[in-house]
C-alpha atoms as a PDB file:
ATOM      1  CA  MET A   1     108.885 106.619 135.584  1.00  0.00           C
ATOM      2  CA  SER A   2     112.522 105.410 136.903  1.00  0.00           C
ATOM      3  CA  GLN A   3     113.475 105.549 140.504  1.00  0.00           C
ATOM      4  CA  PHE A   4     116.432 107.896 139.437  1.00  0.00           C
ATOM      5  CA  HIS A   5     113.815 110.173 137.552  1.00  0.00           C
ATOM      6  CA  LEU A   6     111.762 110.286 140.983  1.00  0.00           C
ATOM      7  CA  TYR A   7     115.057 110.736 142.873  1.00  0.00           C
ATOM      8  CA  LEU A   8     115.730 114.042 140.910  1.00  0.00           C
ATOM      9  CA  ILE A   9     112.260 115.374 141.340  1.00  0.00           C
ATOM     10  CA  SER A  10     112.473 114.824 145.193  1.00  0.00           C
ATOM     11  CA  LYS A  11     115.736 116.805 145.084  1.00  0.00           C
ATOM     12  CA  LYS A  12     113.928 119.523 142.968  1.00  0.00           C
ATOM     13  CA  ILE A  13     115.998 118.906 139.881  1.00  0.00           C
ATOM     14  CA  ASP A  14     114.051 118.751 136.648  1.00  0.00           C
ATOM     15  CA  PRO A  15     115.036 115.321 135.169  1.00  0.00           C
ATOM     16  CA  SER A  16     113.999 116.338 131.750  1.00  0.00           C
ATOM     17  CA  ALA A  17     115.963 119.501 131.483  1.00  0.00           C
ATOM     18  CA  PHE A  18     118.965 117.662 133.165  1.00  0.00           C
ATOM     19  CA  GLU A  19     119.024 115.028 130.681  1.00  0.00           C
ATOM     20  CA  GLU A  20     118.834 117.458 127.696  1.00  0.00           C
ATOM     21  CA  GLY A  21     121.071 120.085 129.038  1.00  0.00           C
ATOM     22  CA  ASP A  22     123.994 117.458 130.195  1.00  0.00           C
ATOM     23  CA  THR A  23     123.434 114.264 129.011  1.00  0.00           C
ATOM     24  CA  PRO A  24     126.864 112.673 129.702  1.00  0.00           C
ATOM     25  CA  LEU A  25     126.483 113.688 133.432  1.00  0.00           C
ATOM     26  CA  TYR A  26     123.052 112.446 133.490  1.00  0.00           C
ATOM     27  CA  GLN A  27     123.880 109.118 132.432  1.00  0.00           C
ATOM     28  CA  GLU A  28     126.907 108.832 134.572  1.00  0.00           C
ATOM     29  CA  PHE A  29     124.585 109.651 137.636  1.00  0.00           C
ATOM     30  CA  GLU A  30     122.076 107.344 136.527  1.00  0.00           C
ATOM     31  CA  ARG A  31     124.431 104.487 136.366  1.00  0.00           C
ATOM     32  CA  ALA A  32     125.882 105.466 139.593  1.00  0.00           C
ATOM     33  CA  PHE A  33     122.473 105.598 141.124  1.00  0.00           C
ATOM     34  CA  THR A  34     121.562 102.243 140.319  1.00  0.00           C
ATOM     35  CA  HIS A  35     124.476 100.572 141.843  1.00  0.00           C
ATOM     36  CA  ILE A  36     124.314 102.290 145.102  1.00  0.00           C
ATOM     37  CA  HIS A  37     121.820 103.327 147.730  1.00  0.00           C
ATOM     38  CA  PRO A  38     120.320 106.805 147.457  1.00  0.00           C
ATOM     39  CA  ALA A  39     121.397 107.949 150.748  1.00  0.00           C
ATOM     40  CA  SER A  40     124.969 107.233 149.786  1.00  0.00           C
ATOM     41  CA  PHE A  41     124.431 108.683 146.096  1.00  0.00           C
ATOM     42  CA  THR A  42     123.342 111.742 147.864  1.00  0.00           C
ATOM     43  CA  ALA A  43     126.203 111.918 150.403  1.00  0.00           C
ATOM     44  CA  GLN A  44     128.618 111.466 147.359  1.00  0.00           C
ATOM     45  CA  LYS A  45     127.121 114.063 145.011  1.00  0.00           C
ATOM     46  CA  LEU A  46     125.773 116.365 147.545  1.00  0.00           C
ATOM     47  CA  PHE A  47     127.788 119.424 146.066  1.00  0.00           C
ATOM     48  CA  LEU A  48     127.143 118.676 142.478  1.00  0.00           C
ATOM     49  CA  LEU A  49     123.286 118.173 143.146  1.00  0.00           C
ATOM     50  CA  ASN A  50     123.093 121.468 144.615  1.00  0.00           C
ATOM     51  CA  LYS A  51     124.723 123.137 141.610  1.00  0.00           C
ATOM     52  CA  LEU A  52     122.329 121.017 139.365  1.00  0.00           C
ATOM     53  CA  ARG A  53     119.415 122.128 141.420  1.00  0.00           C
ATOM     54  CA  ARG A  54     120.311 125.850 140.754  1.00  0.00           C
ATOM     55  CA  LYS A  55     120.770 125.325 136.805  1.00  0.00           C
ATOM     56  CA  PHE A  56     117.851 122.740 136.357  1.00  0.00           C
ATOM     57  CA  LEU A  57     115.146 123.637 139.013  1.00  0.00           C
ATOM     58  CA  TYR A  58     112.088 121.624 139.047  1.00  0.00           C
ATOM     59  CA  GLU A  59     109.249 124.092 139.497  1.00  0.00           C
ATOM     60  CA  LYS A  60     106.076 122.007 138.771  1.00  0.00           C
ATOM     61  CA  PRO A  61     104.200 121.156 141.813  1.00  0.00           C
ATOM     62  CA  GLU A  62     103.702 117.449 141.975  1.00  0.00           C
ATOM     63  CA  ILE A  63     102.965 115.332 145.065  1.00  0.00           C
ATOM     64  CA  LEU A  64     104.943 112.257 145.256  1.00  0.00           C
ATOM     65  CA  LYS A  65     103.749 108.849 147.012  1.00  0.00           C
END
């Protein structure tokens, strides 16, 4: 599991549904995430992340360590 995948789960966004539903945006976000700190990524993409959460809500209970 990649860091970006775990990041999306922590933001309650289903990574698989996001990748299938909007592949170009997923790839753009993944590329940007690898180049900047997660906190900066969140600050830059906050409003987009909120829209994605509503569209691709991650509902599976999972404990992240």
